[in-house]
C-alpha atoms as a PDB file:
ATOM      1  CA  MET A   1     101.617  99.078 100.013  1.00  0.00           C
ATOM      2  CA  LYS A   2     100.181  95.953 101.472  1.00  0.00           C
ATOM      3  CA  ASN A   3      97.814  93.946  99.103  1.00  0.00           C
ATOM      4  CA  PHE A   4      95.475  91.740 101.010  1.00  0.00           C
ATOM      5  CA  ARG A   5      92.925  89.597  99.258  1.00  0.00           C
ATOM      6  CA  VAL A   6      89.817  87.671 100.363  1.00  0.00           C
ATOM      7  CA  GLY A   7      90.910  84.337 102.084  1.00  0.00           C
ATOM      8  CA  ASP A   8      94.402  85.732 103.186  1.00  0.00           C
ATOM      9  CA  ARG A   9      95.385  85.109 106.875  1.00  0.00           C
ATOM     10  CA  VAL A  10      96.113  88.316 108.663  1.00  0.00           C
ATOM     11  CA  CYS A  11      96.897  89.626 112.062  1.00  0.00           C
ATOM     12  CA  PHE A  12      97.096  92.928 113.957  1.00  0.00           C
ATOM     13  CA  ILE A  13     100.686  94.307 114.192  1.00  0.00           C
ATOM     14  CA  THR A  14      99.996  95.276 117.728  1.00  0.00           C
ATOM     15  CA  HIS A  15      98.072  92.133 118.738  1.00  0.00           C
ATOM     16  CA  MET A  16      99.723  89.214 116.735  1.00  0.00           C
ATOM     17  CA  SER A  17      97.717  86.469 118.514  1.00  0.00           C
ATOM     18  CA  ASN A  18      94.442  87.848 116.983  1.00  0.00           C
ATOM     19  CA  LYS A  19      94.762  86.046 113.628  1.00  0.00           C
ATOM     20  CA  GLY A  20      91.843  85.640 111.122  1.00  0.00           C
ATOM     21  CA  VAL A  21      90.790  85.262 107.494  1.00  0.00           C
ATOM     22  CA  VAL A  22      89.967  88.189 105.413  1.00  0.00           C
ATOM     23  CA  GLU A  23      86.347  88.342 104.442  1.00  0.00           C
ATOM     24  CA  LYS A  24      86.262  91.749 102.598  1.00  0.00           C
ATOM     25  CA  VAL A  25      88.529  94.354 101.219  1.00  0.00           C
ATOM     26  CA  GLU A  26      87.200  97.954 100.564  1.00  0.00           C
ATOM     27  CA  PHE A  27      88.495 101.322  99.716  1.00  0.00           C
ATOM     28  CA  LYS A  28      86.983 104.352 101.508  1.00  0.00           C
ATOM     29  CA  SER A  29      87.357 108.031 100.666  1.00  0.00           C
ATOM     30  CA  VAL A  30      89.512 110.015 102.986  1.00  0.00           C
ATOM     31  CA  THR A  31      87.437 112.763 104.647  1.00  0.00           C
ATOM     32  CA  ALA A  32      90.309 115.108 105.768  1.00  0.00           C
ATOM     33  CA  ASN A  33      90.809 118.333 103.835  1.00  0.00           C
ATOM     34  CA  ASN A  34      93.992 119.303 102.006  1.00  0.00           C
ATOM     35  CA  SER A  35      94.599 122.538 100.313  1.00  0.00           C
ATOM     36  CA  ALA A  36      97.109 120.910  98.008  1.00  0.00           C
ATOM     37  CA  GLY A  37      94.870 118.400  96.450  1.00  0.00           C
ATOM     38  CA  ALA A  38      92.904 115.200  96.970  1.00  0.00           C
ATOM     39  CA  PHE A  39      94.051 112.248  98.932  1.00  0.00           C
ATOM     40  CA  SER A  40      93.970 108.658  97.634  1.00  0.00           C
ATOM     41  CA  LYS A  41      91.495 106.230  99.109  1.00  0.00           C
ATOM     42  CA  MET A  42      92.181 104.308 102.248  1.00  0.00           C
ATOM     43  CA  CYS A  43      92.219 100.380 102.164  1.00  0.00           C
ATOM     44  CA  TRP A  44      90.014  98.897 104.935  1.00  0.00           C
ATOM     45  CA  VAL A  45      90.040  95.059 105.669  1.00  0.00           C
ATOM     46  CA  HIS A  46      87.277  93.038 107.111  1.00  0.00           C
ATOM     47  CA  PHE A  47      88.364  89.790 108.773  1.00  0.00           C
ATOM     48  CA  LYS A  48      86.863  87.150 111.126  1.00  0.00           C
ATOM     49  CA  SER A  49      89.069  86.353 114.157  1.00  0.00           C
ATOM     50  CA  ASP A  50      90.063  82.936 115.175  1.00  0.00           C
ATOM     51  CA  LEU A  51      90.673  84.107 118.585  1.00  0.00           C
ATOM     52  CA  ASP A  52      87.057  85.117 119.571  1.00  0.00           C
ATOM     53  CA  GLY A  53      84.989  84.662 116.464  1.00  0.00           C
ATOM     54  CA  ASN A  54      84.326  88.475 115.984  1.00  0.00           C
ATOM     55  CA  THR A  55      84.529  90.317 112.764  1.00  0.00           C
ATOM     56  CA  TYR A  56      87.104  93.280 112.783  1.00  0.00           C
ATOM     57  CA  ILE A  57      87.377  96.089 110.429  1.00  0.00           C
ATOM     58  CA  ALA A  58      90.877  97.559 110.405  1.00  0.00           C
ATOM     59  CA  LYS A  59      93.131  99.701 108.163  1.00  0.00           C
ATOM     60  CA  ALA A  60      95.522  97.720 105.996  1.00  0.00           C
ATOM     61  CA  GLN A  61      98.360  99.627 107.434  1.00  0.00           C
ATOM     62  CA  ASP A  62      97.563  98.054 110.920  1.00  0.00           C
ATOM     63  CA  LEU A  63      97.648  94.517 109.690  1.00  0.00           C
ATOM     64  CA  MET A  64     100.220  92.050 108.542  1.00  0.00           C
ATOM     65  CA  ARG A  65     100.202  88.516 106.823  1.00  0.00           C
ATOM     66  CA  ALA A  66      99.955  85.788 109.291  1.00  0.00           C
ATOM     67  CA  ASP A  67     101.966  82.953 107.504  1.00  0.00           C
END
């Protein structure tokens, strides 16, 4: 699992020119149902883009570190 922290530089895997700095990391409960048991929480990352100045909220699995 990828571990992101506040202040890390990240970018989208599918849009690598959209880089930014992580402002907040949060874990949300999964709302899907499963008869076998509970799912673990999903990691969501809020980051401010350098490309257009917007704040994006994305799943951690859709991001990578921009070193």
